[in-house]
Protein backbone atom coordinates (compact mmCIF):
# COMPACT_ATOMS: atom_id res chain seq x y z
CA MET A 1 17.32 -34.71 -19.94
CA GLU A 2 13.63 -33.40 -20.84
CA LYS A 3 13.34 -32.19 -24.73
CA ILE A 4 13.26 -28.28 -24.47
CA SER A 5 11.91 -26.31 -26.83
CA ILE A 6 13.89 -22.75 -27.77
CA ILE A 7 11.45 -20.52 -29.18
CA LEU A 8 12.80 -17.67 -31.14
CA PRO A 9 10.30 -14.96 -31.85
CA THR A 10 11.20 -12.88 -34.88
CA TYR A 11 10.63 -9.47 -36.92
CA ASN A 12 13.43 -7.85 -39.24
CA GLU A 13 16.75 -9.28 -37.54
CA GLU A 14 18.53 -9.86 -40.66
CA LYS A 15 21.54 -8.25 -38.79
CA THR A 16 21.43 -10.88 -35.71
CA ILE A 17 19.36 -13.78 -36.45
CA GLU A 18 22.04 -16.53 -38.18
CA ASP A 19 24.07 -15.53 -35.49
CA THR A 20 22.12 -15.61 -33.00
CA VAL A 21 21.01 -19.14 -34.09
CA GLN A 22 24.83 -20.77 -34.50
CA LYS A 23 25.45 -19.70 -30.94
CA ILE A 24 22.62 -21.56 -29.49
CA LYS A 25 23.22 -24.55 -31.40
CA GLN A 26 26.69 -24.02 -30.55
CA ILE A 27 25.60 -24.19 -26.77
CA ILE A 28 23.34 -27.46 -27.63
CA LYS A 29 26.35 -29.01 -29.58
CA GLU A 30 28.89 -28.20 -26.10
CA ASN A 31 25.98 -28.76 -22.97
CA LYS A 32 24.46 -32.06 -25.11
CA LEU A 33 20.97 -30.92 -24.62
CA ASN A 34 17.83 -31.99 -25.81
CA ALA A 35 16.69 -29.27 -27.58
CA GLN A 36 15.18 -28.31 -30.66
CA ILE A 37 15.10 -24.08 -32.20
CA VAL A 38 12.04 -23.15 -32.99
CA VAL A 39 12.02 -19.93 -35.47
CA VAL A 40 8.75 -17.51 -35.69
CA ASN A 41 9.20 -15.67 -38.47
CA ASP A 42 6.38 -12.40 -38.05
CA ALA A 43 6.57 -11.50 -41.56
CA SER A 44 9.47 -9.68 -41.16
CA THR A 45 10.40 -7.83 -44.64
CA ASP A 46 13.81 -7.29 -44.46
CA ASN A 47 15.75 -10.03 -45.57
CA THR A 48 15.16 -12.29 -42.44
CA LYS A 49 12.65 -14.98 -44.19
CA GLU A 50 15.77 -15.56 -46.77
CA ILE A 51 18.79 -16.52 -44.27
CA LEU A 52 16.46 -18.37 -41.94
CA ASN A 53 15.92 -20.60 -45.21
CA ARG A 54 19.63 -21.31 -45.08
CA ILE A 55 19.79 -22.49 -41.70
CA GLN A 56 20.03 -25.79 -41.13
CA ALA A 57 18.66 -28.01 -38.61
CA ILE A 58 15.56 -25.97 -37.28
CA LYS A 59 11.87 -25.58 -37.26
CA VAL A 60 10.66 -22.26 -39.09
CA MET A 61 7.20 -20.47 -38.94
CA GLU A 62 6.16 -18.29 -41.00
CA HIS A 63 3.05 -15.11 -39.99
CA GLN A 64 1.72 -13.81 -43.14
CA ILE A 65 1.33 -10.76 -41.59
CA ASN A 66 2.62 -9.44 -38.88
CA ARG A 67 1.21 -10.00 -35.66
CA GLY A 68 3.26 -9.60 -33.17
CA TYR A 69 5.52 -10.52 -30.13
CA GLY A 70 3.38 -12.55 -27.50
CA ALA A 71 1.09 -13.79 -31.01
CA SER A 72 4.58 -15.41 -32.19
CA LEU A 73 5.12 -16.69 -29.17
CA LYS A 74 1.91 -18.33 -28.77
CA THR A 75 2.03 -19.79 -32.27
CA GLY A 76 5.78 -21.73 -30.92
CA ILE A 77 4.05 -23.04 -27.84
CA LYS A 78 0.97 -24.62 -29.68
CA HIS A 79 2.91 -26.29 -32.28
CA THR A 80 5.47 -27.72 -29.61
CA ASN A 81 4.89 -30.71 -28.00
CA THR A 82 7.94 -30.63 -25.55
CA ASP A 83 7.45 -30.63 -21.10
CA TRP A 84 9.60 -27.25 -21.58
CA ILE A 85 9.79 -24.31 -23.62
CA LEU A 86 12.77 -21.62 -23.61
CA ILE A 87 12.33 -18.27 -24.71
CA THR A 88 14.82 -15.97 -26.01
CA ASP A 89 14.78 -12.58 -28.46
CA ALA A 90 16.96 -12.94 -31.71
CA ASP A 91 18.62 -9.40 -31.53
CA GLY A 92 21.65 -10.29 -29.02
CA THR A 93 20.14 -8.85 -26.38
CA TYR A 94 20.29 -11.84 -24.23
CA PRO A 95 23.29 -13.54 -22.89
CA ILE A 96 22.89 -17.34 -24.78
CA GLU A 97 25.91 -18.57 -22.95
CA ASP A 98 23.11 -18.41 -19.83
CA ILE A 99 21.01 -21.43 -21.63
CA PRO A 100 22.41 -24.01 -19.49
CA THR A 101 22.52 -21.70 -16.48
CA LEU A 102 18.62 -21.68 -16.83
CA ILE A 103 18.06 -25.37 -17.82
CA GLU A 104 20.22 -26.40 -14.63
CA GLN A 105 17.34 -24.72 -12.64
CA ILE A 106 14.17 -26.39 -13.98
CA ASN A 107 13.81 -29.13 -10.99
CA SER A 108 13.50 -26.49 -8.86
CA ALA A 109 10.76 -24.52 -10.18
CA ASP A 110 7.84 -24.52 -12.60
CA MET A 111 9.36 -21.54 -14.41
CA ILE A 112 12.84 -20.14 -14.34
CA VAL A 113 13.52 -15.99 -15.09
CA GLY A 114 16.89 -14.40 -16.87
CA ALA A 115 16.50 -11.37 -14.24
CA ARG A 116 18.52 -8.43 -16.09
CA ILE A 117 19.54 -7.29 -12.74
CA LYS A 118 23.22 -7.79 -12.95
CA LYS A 119 25.66 -4.62 -12.80
CA GLY A 120 26.15 -2.62 -16.37
CA VAL A 121 23.26 -4.34 -17.77
CA LYS A 122 22.52 -2.33 -21.15
CA ILE A 123 19.31 -1.31 -20.38
CA PRO A 124 17.27 1.58 -22.40
CA LEU A 125 17.81 5.22 -20.18
CA THR A 126 14.26 5.79 -22.24
CA ARG A 127 12.79 2.32 -20.90
CA ARG A 128 14.29 2.63 -17.16
CA PRO A 129 11.43 5.17 -15.23
CA ALA A 130 8.32 2.75 -17.16
CA LYS A 131 10.01 -0.47 -15.95
CA LYS A 132 10.33 0.89 -12.42
CA ILE A 133 7.04 2.35 -12.34
CA ILE A 134 6.01 -1.56 -13.75
CA GLY A 135 7.87 -2.98 -11.33
CA THR A 136 6.88 -1.53 -7.92
CA LEU A 137 3.38 -1.87 -9.23
CA ALA A 138 3.41 -5.39 -9.85
CA ASN A 139 5.37 -5.90 -6.20
CA LEU A 140 2.78 -4.03 -4.63
CA LEU A 141 -0.09 -5.58 -6.06
CA VAL A 142 1.70 -9.61 -5.98
CA GLY A 143 2.90 -8.99 -2.25
CA LYS A 144 6.35 -10.14 -3.21
CA LYS A 145 9.43 -8.31 -5.15
CA ILE A 146 10.03 -8.87 -8.82
CA PRO A 147 13.53 -8.51 -9.92
CA ASP A 148 12.15 -8.50 -13.86
CA ILE A 149 8.75 -8.38 -14.68
CA ASN A 150 9.11 -8.53 -18.16
CA SER A 151 12.13 -10.30 -19.24
CA GLY A 152 11.72 -12.06 -22.30
CA PHE A 153 14.99 -14.84 -21.32
CA ARG A 154 12.72 -17.51 -19.59
CA ILE A 155 12.40 -21.25 -19.30
CA PHE A 156 8.84 -22.09 -18.20
CA LYS A 157 6.43 -25.37 -18.40
CA ARG A 158 4.44 -25.75 -21.63
CA GLU A 159 1.88 -26.66 -19.21
CA VAL A 160 1.40 -23.31 -17.29
CA ALA A 161 1.76 -21.38 -20.50
CA LEU A 162 -1.21 -23.46 -21.75
CA LYS A 163 -2.95 -22.75 -18.64
CA PHE A 164 -3.48 -19.03 -19.03
CA PHE A 165 -2.76 -19.33 -22.92
CA HIS A 166 -6.37 -17.01 -23.31
CA LEU A 167 -5.07 -14.16 -21.25
CA PHE A 168 -2.12 -13.78 -23.52
CA PRO A 169 -1.64 -11.19 -25.55
CA ASP A 170 -0.41 -10.51 -28.98
CA GLY A 171 1.88 -7.66 -28.11
CA PHE A 172 4.98 -7.44 -25.70
CA SER A 173 3.01 -7.86 -22.23
CA PHE A 174 3.60 -11.81 -22.79
CA THR A 175 5.74 -11.73 -20.60
CA THR A 176 4.54 -9.81 -17.78
CA THR A 177 1.19 -11.63 -18.13
CA ILE A 178 3.07 -15.07 -17.84
CA THR A 179 4.84 -13.82 -14.94
CA LEU A 180 1.98 -12.19 -12.88
CA ALA A 181 -0.42 -15.47 -13.55
CA ALA A 182 2.57 -17.27 -12.31
CA LEU A 183 3.22 -15.72 -8.93
CA THR A 184 -0.89 -15.09 -8.60
CA ASN A 185 -1.41 -19.10 -9.08
CA ASN A 186 1.42 -20.27 -6.29
CA TYR A 187 3.35 -21.68 -9.39
CA LYS A 188 7.18 -21.40 -8.09
CA VAL A 189 9.21 -19.02 -10.08
CA LYS A 190 12.61 -18.66 -9.91
CA PHE A 191 15.01 -15.62 -10.47
CA VAL A 192 18.36 -16.15 -12.16
CA PRO A 193 20.86 -13.12 -12.55
CA ILE A 194 21.98 -12.28 -16.19
CA ASP A 195 23.40 -9.75 -18.70
CA TYR A 196 22.20 -7.76 -21.20
CA TYR A 197 23.72 -6.19 -23.71
CA GLN A 198 22.69 -3.62 -26.48
CA ARG A 199 20.76 -4.33 -29.32
CA GLN A 200 21.88 -4.58 -32.72
CA GLY A 201 19.44 -3.11 -34.94
CA LYS A 202 16.37 -0.96 -34.56
CA SER A 203 14.14 -1.98 -31.61
CA THR A 204 10.03 -2.30 -32.21
CA VAL A 205 9.33 -1.33 -28.88
CA HIS A 206 6.86 2.07 -28.29
CA PRO A 207 8.44 3.37 -24.67
CA ILE A 208 4.60 4.91 -24.30
CA LYS A 209 2.03 2.89 -25.88
CA ASP A 210 3.84 0.04 -24.41
CA PHE A 211 4.24 1.03 -21.35
CA ILE A 212 0.62 1.97 -21.23
CA GLY A 213 -0.26 -1.63 -22.33
CA PHE A 214 1.89 -3.38 -19.20
CA LEU A 215 -0.29 -1.01 -16.84
CA ALA A 216 -3.04 -2.24 -18.41
CA ILE A 217 -1.90 -5.92 -18.00
CA ILE A 218 -0.67 -5.32 -14.75
CA ILE A 219 -4.20 -4.38 -13.63
CA ARG A 220 -6.30 -6.55 -15.77
CA ILE A 221 -4.34 -10.09 -13.94
CA MET A 222 -4.69 -8.29 -10.53
CA VAL A 223 -8.45 -7.90 -10.95
CA TYR A 224 -8.78 -11.84 -12.69
CA PHE A 225 -6.44 -13.81 -9.93
CA ARG A 226 -6.31 -11.11 -6.89
CA PRO A 227 -9.77 -8.75 -7.04
CA LEU A 228 -9.85 -8.14 -3.15
CA LYS A 229 -6.18 -6.88 -3.10
CA MET A 230 -6.95 -4.72 -5.91
CA PHE A 231 -10.38 -3.25 -4.98
CA SER A 232 -8.81 -3.43 -1.41
CA ILE A 233 -5.92 -0.67 -2.53
CA LEU A 234 -8.55 1.62 -4.23
CA ALA A 235 -10.81 1.43 -1.50
CA GLY A 236 -8.05 2.73 0.77
CA MET A 237 -7.57 5.29 -1.33
CA LEU A 238 -11.09 6.61 -1.68
CA PHE A 239 -10.78 6.28 2.00
CA LEU A 240 -7.28 8.24 2.26
CA ILE A 241 -8.98 11.44 0.11
CA GLY A 242 -12.28 11.28 2.69
CA THR A 243 -10.21 11.59 5.80
CA THR A 244 -8.28 14.13 4.03
CA ILE A 245 -10.90 16.43 2.80
CA PHE A 246 -12.59 15.78 5.86
CA LEU A 247 -9.55 17.08 8.51
CA TYR A 248 -8.52 20.29 5.91
CA THR A 249 -12.31 21.20 5.86
CA PHE A 250 -12.96 21.02 9.56
CA LEU A 251 -9.54 22.19 11.09
CA VAL A 252 -8.32 24.77 8.44
CA LEU A 253 -11.74 26.11 7.32
CA ASN A 254 -13.79 25.54 10.01
CA ASN A 255 -16.49 23.02 8.01
CA ILE A 256 -17.45 20.47 7.58
CA ALA A 257 -17.24 18.80 4.00
CA ASP A 258 -20.21 16.60 5.03
CA ILE A 259 -21.89 15.66 2.21
CA THR A 260 -19.00 14.84 -0.40
CA VAL A 261 -16.69 12.97 2.70
CA ILE A 262 -19.81 11.24 3.03
CA VAL A 263 -20.09 10.20 -0.61
CA ILE A 264 -16.56 9.38 -1.13
CA LEU A 265 -16.51 7.02 2.52
CA LEU A 266 -19.29 5.46 1.13
CA ALA A 267 -17.56 5.01 -2.19
CA SER A 268 -14.68 3.38 -0.70
CA LEU A 269 -16.81 1.24 1.10
CA GLN A 270 -18.89 -0.26 -1.83
CA VAL A 271 -15.48 -0.56 -3.71
CA PHE A 272 -14.37 -2.93 -1.30
CA LEU A 273 -17.13 -5.00 -0.43
CA SER A 274 -17.31 -5.37 -4.60
CA GLY A 275 -13.83 -6.79 -3.98
CA MET A 276 -15.17 -9.85 -1.75
CA ILE A 277 -17.71 -10.42 -3.98
CA ALA A 278 -14.87 -10.56 -7.07
CA GLU A 279 -12.96 -12.91 -4.34
CA ILE A 280 -15.72 -15.01 -3.78
CA ILE A 281 -16.60 -15.37 -7.48
CA THR A 282 -12.69 -15.73 -8.28
CA LEU A 283 -12.06 -18.43 -5.99
CA GLN A 284 -15.46 -20.36 -6.77
CA ARG A 285 -14.17 -20.51 -10.18
C-alpha cells in the first residue's frame, strides 16, 4: 500500500485535538495503514500546542501567526512527500472511522471526497442556504452534480494539488477550489457518502464573509478554466433582459426602446465574443 499523509489543520482545538489524533492512530493500527499524521497548528492561542507536544509519533508544524485553514493545508502538503494526501478536521465533525473507506477508493479516482449527504448529517442551519446556493451555481458552471463541493474530509493525489497550488487561497475556500480545479480539468473525482457530526467548540467559519469568498472562488475558477461557459451565461442573461425590455415596450407600451435594447443586445454579443477569445487563450495555455 502507498504511504499516505493525513493532514489536520488545527486552530484552537484543545477540546478535541488529542481525541481526534488518537482515533486516527487507532484506525491506522487496526487497518495496518501505511500512513503518517501531520498536524499544522495555525498559531493557536489556547492549549493546543501544549497538547500536541505530548502526543507521540506525529509530525507537528507550527505557524507563528494565524494564516488560515487553506494556508495550513498548503504548509502540510508542501512539507510531505507522499503520493496521497488525506485531509480532515480536528474538531470531531468528520467520521474518522471512514478513513479506510476513502483509502479503499484510491485506485478508482484522482480524488475521493467524503460527501456529507447521509440522512441526519449535522450541518448547521445557518450554513445550509449558502451551501445550497454555492452548490447550485457550481453545478451549473461545471455541468454536473457536485454532491458536496467543500467537504474537508477527502483524499487526493499530491500531484493534483501541486498542479493547482498557485490557485489555492489561505482561507476556507481551499476545498472548493481544489474540487472545481479537478472537475474542470477532467480529473476523476469520486464522492462517497459520509456522516457529519455536531461540532465541539466554537466554529471559526464566518457565514457571510466565507459565503462571498466561496462565490468569488467559483467565478474565478470558472473564468480561469471554463471562460466560455461563464461568459455565455452572462451573455444569455443580458440577451434575456434585452429581449424582455423589447417585448414589454412593444406589446405593453406600444413603443420600442430601441437604444436601450440595442445597447443591451450589443453588450450581450460583446460578452459572448470575449468569452470565445478567453476560451482560445485558455486552450493554448
